[in-house]
């Protein structure tokens, strides 16, 4: 069977970025073709959002996140028997990717589990188009997105894990490096991005976070973020900026651009998988 060509960064009638300076590249992963077509029409009206890839199964999604250069993956939870593990694996494949999960209905346990595993946004399928667009922009800017009911669930879960006497948790002082790393965590950054920002390695970031967990008496990133918000630990602290590109980074970007312009898929993606990924330019399906 001939493989389907993979095109990255095609415009498909969308203006580049409307002068905002940031183009949000999106992969649509959903079992329903009509839902994907509807989202493409919605995003086509936005100058700063571009659909660069599509998938309708979990294997296609796993292939798409390695083939397409994207900022956000809109992932239907029904694509996987275990969407929580699927999100974990997708983030392992593409640590820089932000995942917005679409669920059939609002579900408390699923919401908490997805948020703990690193989902950046969680929405029910009944979401209004303008809310979804707002969600994508907030997530692209590094902010988590939850609906009002989900925020209540997260806060209740946090309180439930911290029903202890007020004096049981001593006031602690974080080091400047720990404070910078924690500020990045509260912005939804993963360890790889944090390492770049603070000029260290992912392993060092993990070591720092383990120390911070022990200091603050929290169990994971979710509890850490909520603790910092409720105790004003990083108020006024801004995450370090992205460092200037090095010659090595410039060479890597140039090589990637040359590969994209020639139509070649990145060498790290399995060649055989390209046939299972739907190109972003697929025409909308007819609705009978």
Protein backbone atom coordinates (compact mmCIF):
# COMPACT_ATOMS: atom_id res chain seq x y z
CA UNK A 1 0.00 0.00 0.00
CA UNK A 2 1.35 3.40 -0.91
CA UNK A 3 2.06 5.57 2.07
CA UNK A 4 0.14 8.77 2.65
CA UNK A 5 2.38 11.81 2.37
CA UNK A 6 2.83 13.76 5.58
CA UNK A 7 2.67 17.51 5.22
CA UNK A 8 3.73 19.74 8.08
CA UNK A 9 2.82 23.39 8.54
CA UNK A 10 0.51 23.87 5.56
CA UNK A 11 -1.69 26.95 5.81
CA UNK A 12 -5.00 25.50 4.58
CA UNK A 13 -6.49 28.97 4.17
CA UNK A 14 -5.46 30.25 7.59
CA UNK A 15 -3.54 33.50 8.00
CA UNK A 16 -0.10 33.07 9.50
CA UNK A 17 -0.70 34.51 12.96
CA UNK A 18 -2.77 37.63 12.59
CA UNK A 19 0.12 39.70 13.94
CA UNK A 20 -0.05 38.08 17.37
CA UNK A 21 3.44 36.62 17.02
CA UNK A 22 2.38 33.12 18.05
CA UNK A 23 0.82 30.48 15.84
CA UNK A 24 -0.84 27.61 17.70
CA UNK A 25 -0.31 24.36 15.77
CA UNK A 26 -2.89 21.70 16.60
CA UNK A 27 -3.29 17.96 16.03
CA UNK A 28 -6.89 16.68 16.10
CA UNK A 29 -7.26 13.13 17.44
CA UNK A 30 -10.88 12.02 17.52
CA UNK A 31 -12.85 8.93 16.51
CA UNK A 32 -15.62 10.93 14.82
CA UNK A 33 -14.83 12.36 11.39
CA UNK A 34 -17.67 14.88 11.64
CA UNK A 35 -16.25 16.23 14.91
CA UNK A 36 -12.82 16.70 13.35
CA UNK A 37 -14.37 18.43 10.34
CA UNK A 38 -16.35 20.72 12.62
CA UNK A 39 -13.23 21.69 14.58
CA UNK A 40 -11.32 22.42 11.36
CA UNK A 41 -14.08 24.83 10.30
CA UNK A 42 -14.03 26.53 13.70
CA UNK A 43 -10.26 26.92 13.73
CA UNK A 44 -10.20 28.14 10.12
CA UNK A 45 -11.89 31.32 11.35
CA UNK A 46 -9.06 32.00 13.80
CA UNK A 47 -5.89 33.70 12.55
CA UNK A 48 -3.65 32.17 15.23
CA UNK A 49 -4.74 28.50 15.15
CA UNK A 50 -3.70 26.02 12.46
CA UNK A 51 -4.59 22.33 12.22
CA UNK A 52 -1.42 20.53 11.12
CA UNK A 53 -2.46 16.90 11.54
CA UNK A 54 -5.29 14.50 12.29
CA UNK A 55 -5.77 11.01 13.69
CA UNK A 56 -8.75 8.75 14.34
CA UNK A 57 -7.12 5.90 16.31
CA UNK A 58 -4.61 5.70 19.13
CA UNK A 59 -1.80 4.26 16.92
CA UNK A 60 -2.39 7.07 14.42
CA UNK A 61 -2.20 9.58 17.26
CA UNK A 62 1.08 8.13 18.51
CA UNK A 63 2.49 8.39 15.00
CA UNK A 64 1.12 11.91 14.48
CA UNK A 65 2.76 13.39 17.59
CA UNK A 66 6.18 12.29 16.30
CA UNK A 67 5.58 13.32 12.67
CA UNK A 68 3.90 16.71 13.03
CA UNK A 69 5.41 19.77 14.65
CA UNK A 70 2.55 20.77 16.96
CA UNK A 71 1.96 22.75 20.13
CA UNK A 72 -1.29 21.16 21.27
CA UNK A 73 -2.93 17.76 20.83
CA UNK A 74 -6.72 17.67 21.16
CA UNK A 75 -7.22 14.09 22.31
CA UNK A 76 -10.57 12.32 22.64
CA UNK A 77 -10.49 10.10 25.72
CA UNK A 78 -12.50 7.40 23.91
CA UNK A 79 -9.52 6.80 21.58
CA UNK A 80 -7.86 4.66 24.25
CA UNK A 81 -9.14 1.89 26.55
CA UNK A 82 -7.13 3.62 29.28
CA UNK A 83 -6.91 7.34 28.42
CA UNK A 84 -4.84 8.05 31.54
CA UNK A 85 -2.03 5.75 30.48
CA UNK A 86 -2.39 6.96 26.89
CA UNK A 87 -1.78 10.57 27.97
CA UNK A 88 1.27 9.47 29.96
CA UNK A 89 2.72 7.64 26.94
CA UNK A 90 1.98 10.49 24.52
CA UNK A 91 3.77 12.95 26.79
CA UNK A 92 6.69 10.56 27.00
CA UNK A 93 6.83 10.50 23.19
CA UNK A 94 6.51 14.26 22.84
CA UNK A 95 7.42 16.02 26.12
CA UNK A 96 7.02 19.47 24.57
CA UNK A 97 3.42 18.77 23.55
CA UNK A 98 0.48 20.11 25.54
CA UNK A 99 -2.55 17.82 25.64
CA UNK A 100 -6.17 18.93 25.87
CA UNK A 101 -8.40 15.92 26.59
CA UNK A 102 -12.01 15.86 25.42
CA UNK A 103 -14.23 13.60 27.56
CA UNK A 104 -17.78 12.39 26.75
CA UNK A 105 -19.14 13.93 29.96
CA UNK A 106 -17.70 15.56 33.06
CA UNK A 107 -16.22 12.79 35.21
CA UNK A 108 -14.59 13.55 38.55
CA UNK A 109 -12.17 10.63 38.86
CA UNK A 110 -11.13 10.75 35.21
CA UNK A 111 -10.53 14.49 35.47
CA UNK A 112 -8.35 14.13 38.58
CA UNK A 113 -6.35 11.25 37.11
CA UNK A 114 -5.77 13.00 33.79
CA UNK A 115 -4.68 16.20 35.52
CA UNK A 116 -2.28 14.27 37.75
CA UNK A 117 -0.75 12.56 34.71
CA UNK A 118 0.02 15.84 32.96
CA UNK A 119 -3.02 16.78 30.84
CA UNK A 120 -2.93 20.55 30.34
CA UNK A 121 -6.63 20.96 29.69
CA UNK A 122 -9.77 18.86 30.17
CA UNK A 123 -13.07 19.63 28.45
CA UNK A 124 -16.38 17.84 28.03
CA UNK A 125 -17.61 17.15 24.50
CA UNK A 126 -20.44 19.66 24.87
CA UNK A 127 -17.97 22.57 25.04
CA UNK A 128 -18.92 25.71 23.15
CA UNK A 129 -16.62 26.61 20.20
CA UNK A 130 -15.53 29.93 21.69
CA UNK A 131 -14.64 28.22 24.98
CA UNK A 132 -12.51 25.65 23.17
CA UNK A 133 -10.66 28.40 21.29
CA UNK A 134 -10.05 30.26 24.55
CA UNK A 135 -8.81 27.02 26.11
CA UNK A 136 -6.27 26.47 23.33
CA UNK A 137 -4.90 29.98 23.69
CA UNK A 138 -4.55 29.69 27.46
CA UNK A 139 -2.91 26.25 27.26
CA UNK A 140 -0.54 27.44 24.53
CA UNK A 141 0.49 30.26 26.88
CA UNK A 142 1.39 27.72 29.56
CA UNK A 143 -1.75 27.93 31.69
CA UNK A 144 -3.79 24.88 32.76
CA UNK A 145 -7.45 24.79 31.74
CA UNK A 146 -10.27 23.20 33.70
CA UNK A 147 -14.01 23.79 33.64
CA UNK A 148 -15.59 25.24 36.80
CA UNK A 149 -16.80 21.88 38.09
CA UNK A 150 -13.39 20.34 37.49
CA UNK A 151 -11.69 23.13 39.43
CA UNK A 152 -13.97 22.33 42.36
CA UNK A 153 -13.05 18.64 42.15
CA UNK A 154 -9.33 19.41 42.07
CA UNK A 155 -9.56 21.74 45.05
CA UNK A 156 -11.58 19.21 47.04
CA UNK A 157 -9.07 16.48 46.22
CA UNK A 158 -6.26 18.77 47.39
CA UNK A 159 -8.05 19.53 50.65
CA UNK A 160 -8.76 15.85 51.20
CA UNK A 161 -5.07 15.04 50.99
CA UNK A 162 -4.18 17.79 53.43
CA UNK A 163 -6.62 17.37 56.33
CA UNK A 164 -3.97 17.66 59.00
CA UNK A 165 -3.42 20.10 61.90
CA UNK A 166 -2.23 23.51 60.75
CA UNK A 167 0.93 23.17 62.80
CA UNK A 168 1.83 19.75 61.37
CA UNK A 169 3.47 21.25 58.28
CA UNK A 170 6.28 23.60 59.25
CA UNK A 171 6.96 26.69 57.22
CA UNK A 172 9.82 25.99 54.84
CA UNK A 173 12.14 28.17 52.82
CA UNK A 174 12.92 27.18 49.24
CA UNK A 175 16.27 27.99 47.71
CA UNK A 176 16.33 30.42 44.76
CA UNK A 177 16.90 27.52 42.33
CA UNK A 178 14.05 25.51 43.86
CA UNK A 179 11.77 28.55 43.63
CA UNK A 180 12.55 29.01 39.94
CA UNK A 181 11.84 25.35 39.19
CA UNK A 182 8.61 25.41 41.18
CA UNK A 183 7.48 28.54 39.33
CA UNK A 184 7.96 26.66 36.06
CA UNK A 185 5.91 23.72 37.37
CA UNK A 186 3.03 26.03 38.28
CA UNK A 187 3.09 27.26 34.68
CA UNK A 188 2.55 23.71 33.41
CA UNK A 189 6.08 23.14 32.09
CA UNK A 190 7.57 19.66 31.84
CA UNK A 191 11.00 18.73 33.13
CA UNK A 192 12.67 19.05 29.73
CA UNK A 193 11.47 22.62 29.23
CA UNK A 194 12.31 23.52 32.82
CA UNK A 195 15.86 22.21 32.35
CA UNK A 196 16.30 24.45 29.31
CA UNK A 197 14.92 27.46 31.13
CA UNK A 198 17.12 27.15 34.23
CA UNK A 199 20.23 25.89 32.40
CA UNK A 200 20.52 22.37 33.77
CA UNK A 201 19.51 18.77 32.94
CA UNK A 202 16.23 16.91 33.28
CA UNK A 203 17.75 14.63 35.93
CA UNK A 204 18.83 17.60 38.03
CA UNK A 205 15.30 19.03 37.76
CA UNK A 206 13.88 15.69 38.96
CA UNK A 207 16.30 15.72 41.90
CA UNK A 208 15.27 19.24 42.86
CA UNK A 209 11.58 18.35 42.64
CA UNK A 210 12.01 15.33 44.90
CA UNK A 211 13.62 17.59 47.51
CA UNK A 212 10.82 20.13 47.15
CA UNK A 213 8.17 17.39 47.53
CA UNK A 214 9.83 16.30 50.77
CA UNK A 215 10.15 19.86 52.06
CA UNK A 216 6.53 20.78 51.39
CA UNK A 217 5.00 17.40 52.16
CA UNK A 218 3.35 16.96 48.78
CA UNK A 219 3.16 13.85 46.62
CA UNK A 220 3.18 15.05 43.02
CA UNK A 221 3.10 18.02 40.63
CA UNK A 222 -0.61 18.62 41.11
CA UNK A 223 -0.33 18.89 44.89
CA UNK A 224 2.80 21.01 44.50
CA UNK A 225 1.04 23.49 42.20
CA UNK A 226 -2.01 23.71 44.44
CA UNK A 227 0.11 24.09 47.57
CA UNK A 228 2.10 26.91 45.97
CA UNK A 229 -1.07 28.68 44.86
CA UNK A 230 -2.76 28.43 48.25
CA UNK A 231 0.39 29.37 50.21
CA UNK A 232 1.63 32.04 47.77
CA UNK A 233 5.00 30.32 47.51
CA UNK A 234 5.94 31.73 44.11
CA UNK A 235 3.92 34.94 44.03
CA UNK A 236 5.75 37.49 41.93
CA UNK A 237 8.29 34.94 40.68
CA UNK A 238 8.51 34.77 36.90
CA UNK A 239 9.87 31.64 35.18
CA UNK A 240 13.23 32.19 33.47
CA UNK A 241 12.96 33.16 29.78
CA UNK A 242 13.84 30.73 27.01
CA UNK A 243 17.60 31.05 26.41
CA UNK A 244 18.90 32.38 23.12
CA UNK A 245 19.42 29.73 20.46
CA UNK A 246 22.91 28.24 20.27
CA UNK A 247 24.64 27.43 16.95
CA UNK A 248 23.83 23.77 17.58
CA UNK A 249 20.16 24.60 18.01
CA UNK A 250 20.20 26.75 14.87
CA UNK A 251 21.71 23.87 12.89
CA UNK A 252 19.06 21.49 14.22
CA UNK A 253 16.27 23.91 13.31
CA UNK A 254 17.77 24.42 9.85
CA UNK A 255 17.97 20.69 9.26
CA UNK A 256 14.37 20.25 10.38
CA UNK A 257 13.22 23.05 8.07
CA UNK A 258 15.09 21.55 5.13
CA UNK A 259 13.51 18.19 5.84
CA UNK A 260 10.03 19.73 6.03
CA UNK A 261 10.45 21.72 2.80
CA UNK A 262 11.54 18.61 0.95
CA UNK A 263 8.44 16.73 2.15
CA UNK A 264 10.49 14.23 4.13
CA UNK A 265 9.24 13.03 7.49
CA UNK A 266 11.57 13.40 10.50
CA UNK A 267 14.01 10.53 10.67
CA UNK A 268 12.98 9.69 14.24
CA UNK A 269 9.45 8.71 13.15
CA UNK A 270 8.86 5.14 11.85
CA UNK A 271 8.48 5.23 8.09
CA UNK A 272 5.77 2.58 8.07
CA UNK A 273 3.57 4.60 10.39
CA UNK A 274 3.04 7.41 7.89
CA UNK A 275 0.28 5.56 6.13
CA UNK A 276 -1.88 5.64 9.25
CA UNK A 277 -1.80 9.38 9.85
CA UNK A 278 -4.44 11.58 8.27
CA UNK A 279 -2.94 14.69 6.63
CA UNK A 280 -4.25 18.02 7.85
CA UNK A 281 -5.40 18.85 4.33
CA UNK A 282 -7.96 16.01 4.20
CA UNK A 283 -11.26 17.48 2.88
CA UNK A 284 -14.20 17.73 5.28
CA UNK A 285 -16.39 14.63 5.28
CA UNK A 286 -19.93 14.89 3.89
CA UNK A 287 -22.71 14.64 6.45
CA UNK A 288 -25.73 12.76 5.28
